[in-house]
Every structure is written in C-alpha cells, then in structure tokens.
N, C-alpha and C. Protein backbone atom coordinates (compact mmCIF):
# COMPACT_ATOMS: atom_id res chain seq x y z
N ILE A 1 192.70 108.49 94.80
CA ILE A 1 192.51 107.48 93.77
C ILE A 1 191.33 107.86 92.88
N GLN A 2 190.23 108.31 93.51
CA GLN A 2 189.03 108.70 92.76
C GLN A 2 189.36 109.79 91.75
N GLN A 3 190.13 110.78 92.18
CA GLN A 3 190.48 111.90 91.30
C GLN A 3 191.34 111.41 90.14
N ALA A 4 192.27 110.50 90.41
CA ALA A 4 193.13 109.97 89.36
C ALA A 4 192.31 109.19 88.34
N ARG A 5 191.35 108.40 88.81
CA ARG A 5 190.50 107.64 87.89
C ARG A 5 189.65 108.57 87.03
N SER A 6 189.12 109.61 87.65
CA SER A 6 188.29 110.57 86.93
C SER A 6 189.11 111.28 85.86
N GLN A 7 190.32 111.66 86.21
CA GLN A 7 191.20 112.34 85.25
C GLN A 7 191.56 111.40 84.11
N GLN A 8 191.87 110.14 84.43
CA GLN A 8 192.23 109.16 83.40
C GLN A 8 191.04 108.93 82.47
N ARG A 9 189.83 108.85 83.04
CA ARG A 9 188.63 108.66 82.23
C ARG A 9 188.44 109.81 81.27
N CYS A 10 188.64 111.02 81.73
CA CYS A 10 188.50 112.20 80.87
C CYS A 10 189.53 112.19 79.75
N LEU A 11 190.75 111.80 80.07
CA LEU A 11 191.79 111.72 79.05
C LEU A 11 191.46 110.64 78.03
N THR A 12 190.95 109.50 78.49
CA THR A 12 190.58 108.42 77.58
C THR A 12 189.44 108.87 76.67
N GLU A 13 188.42 109.48 77.24
CA GLU A 13 187.30 109.97 76.44
C GLU A 13 187.77 111.00 75.41
N ALA A 14 188.64 111.89 75.82
CA ALA A 14 189.16 112.91 74.91
C ALA A 14 189.96 112.27 73.78
N SER A 15 190.72 111.25 74.10
CA SER A 15 191.51 110.55 73.09
C SER A 15 190.60 109.86 72.07
N ILE A 16 189.53 109.24 72.56
CA ILE A 16 188.59 108.56 71.66
C ILE A 16 187.89 109.58 70.76
N VAL A 17 187.43 110.66 71.34
CA VAL A 17 186.75 111.70 70.56
C VAL A 17 187.69 112.26 69.49
N GLU A 18 188.92 112.50 69.86
CA GLU A 18 189.91 113.03 68.91
C GLU A 18 190.18 112.03 67.79
N ALA A 19 190.33 110.75 68.15
CA ALA A 19 190.61 109.72 67.15
C ALA A 19 189.46 109.57 66.16
N VAL A 20 188.24 109.55 66.66
CA VAL A 20 187.07 109.41 65.78
C VAL A 20 186.92 110.65 64.90
N ALA A 21 187.15 111.82 65.46
CA ALA A 21 187.03 113.06 64.69
C ALA A 21 188.04 113.14 63.56
N SER A 22 189.20 112.52 63.75
CA SER A 22 190.24 112.59 62.73
C SER A 22 190.15 111.45 61.71
N MET A 23 189.20 110.53 61.90
CA MET A 23 189.05 109.41 60.96
C MET A 23 188.46 109.89 59.64
N ASN A 24 188.84 109.20 58.61
CA ASN A 24 188.26 109.43 57.30
C ASN A 24 186.81 108.95 57.35
N ARG A 25 185.88 109.80 56.98
CA ARG A 25 184.45 109.46 57.08
C ARG A 25 184.10 108.22 56.26
N GLU A 26 184.62 108.12 55.06
CA GLU A 26 184.33 106.96 54.20
C GLU A 26 184.82 105.67 54.85
N HIS A 27 186.01 105.72 55.43
CA HIS A 27 186.56 104.54 56.11
C HIS A 27 185.67 104.15 57.29
N LEU A 28 185.24 105.12 58.06
CA LEU A 28 184.38 104.86 59.22
C LEU A 28 183.06 104.23 58.79
N VAL A 29 182.46 104.72 57.72
CA VAL A 29 181.21 104.15 57.21
C VAL A 29 181.44 102.71 56.76
N ASN A 30 182.54 102.44 56.07
CA ASN A 30 182.84 101.07 55.63
C ASN A 30 183.02 100.13 56.81
N VAL A 31 183.72 100.57 57.83
CA VAL A 31 183.95 99.73 59.01
C VAL A 31 182.63 99.41 59.69
N CYS A 32 181.79 100.40 59.87
CA CYS A 32 180.50 100.19 60.53
C CYS A 32 179.60 99.28 59.71
N THR A 33 179.62 99.44 58.39
CA THR A 33 178.81 98.60 57.51
C THR A 33 179.25 97.14 57.60
N ARG A 34 180.56 96.91 57.56
CA ARG A 34 181.06 95.53 57.68
C ARG A 34 180.70 94.93 59.02
N PHE A 35 180.84 95.71 60.09
CA PHE A 35 180.50 95.22 61.42
C PHE A 35 179.03 94.83 61.47
N TRP A 36 178.16 95.70 60.95
CA TRP A 36 176.73 95.45 61.03
C TRP A 36 176.36 94.19 60.26
N SER A 37 176.93 93.97 59.09
CA SER A 37 176.60 92.76 58.32
C SER A 37 177.09 91.51 59.04
N ARG A 38 178.22 91.59 59.71
CA ARG A 38 178.71 90.44 60.48
C ARG A 38 177.82 90.19 61.69
N LEU A 39 177.37 91.24 62.33
CA LEU A 39 176.47 91.09 63.47
C LEU A 39 175.16 90.43 63.04
N GLU A 40 174.63 90.84 61.90
CA GLU A 40 173.41 90.22 61.38
C GLU A 40 173.62 88.75 61.08
N ALA A 41 174.80 88.38 60.56
CA ALA A 41 175.10 86.98 60.27
C ALA A 41 175.14 86.16 61.56
N ILE A 42 175.67 86.71 62.61
CA ILE A 42 175.70 86.02 63.91
C ILE A 42 174.27 85.80 64.41
N ILE A 43 173.43 86.81 64.28
CA ILE A 43 172.04 86.68 64.72
C ILE A 43 171.32 85.62 63.91
N GLU A 44 171.52 85.61 62.59
CA GLU A 44 170.89 84.60 61.74
C GLU A 44 171.37 83.20 62.07
N ALA A 45 172.62 83.07 62.52
CA ALA A 45 173.18 81.76 62.86
C ALA A 45 172.86 81.40 64.31
N ASP A 46 171.99 82.15 64.94
CA ASP A 46 171.62 81.92 66.35
C ASP A 46 172.85 81.88 67.25
N GLY A 47 173.80 82.73 66.98
CA GLY A 47 175.00 82.82 67.81
C GLY A 47 176.06 81.79 67.47
N GLY A 48 175.78 80.93 66.48
CA GLY A 48 176.74 79.90 66.10
C GLY A 48 177.73 80.41 65.07
N TRP A 49 178.46 79.48 64.48
CA TRP A 49 179.46 79.83 63.47
C TRP A 49 178.79 80.20 62.16
N PHE A 50 179.42 81.04 61.40
CA PHE A 50 178.92 81.42 60.08
C PHE A 50 180.09 81.65 59.16
N ASP A 51 179.85 81.60 57.86
CA ASP A 51 180.91 81.83 56.86
C ASP A 51 180.90 83.26 56.40
C-alpha cells in the first residue's frame, strides 16, 4: 500500500508540474492577481462577507 501511495503521489505531482508548465503565463498571472485581491478583501472584512 505504501508503495502504491508513493507512486500515486509522484504521478500527481508530475501531473501538476506538467499542467502549470503548459499554462499561458499571462493567464496564470491574472489568476494569481485575482486570487490575491480576493484574499485581501477577506482579510479586510475580518473573514466576513465582502462584495
């Protein structure tokens, strides 16, 4: 079981690395920027709702 989990983890990591490497850089920057601004809004709202 341990070996199967380790192998699955390696495959998952490889899939993530491949997916990120093949992403359009501009798209990735836009996604991260939007996420960061939303995270800041949550912090400003003390974890409550925000518009």
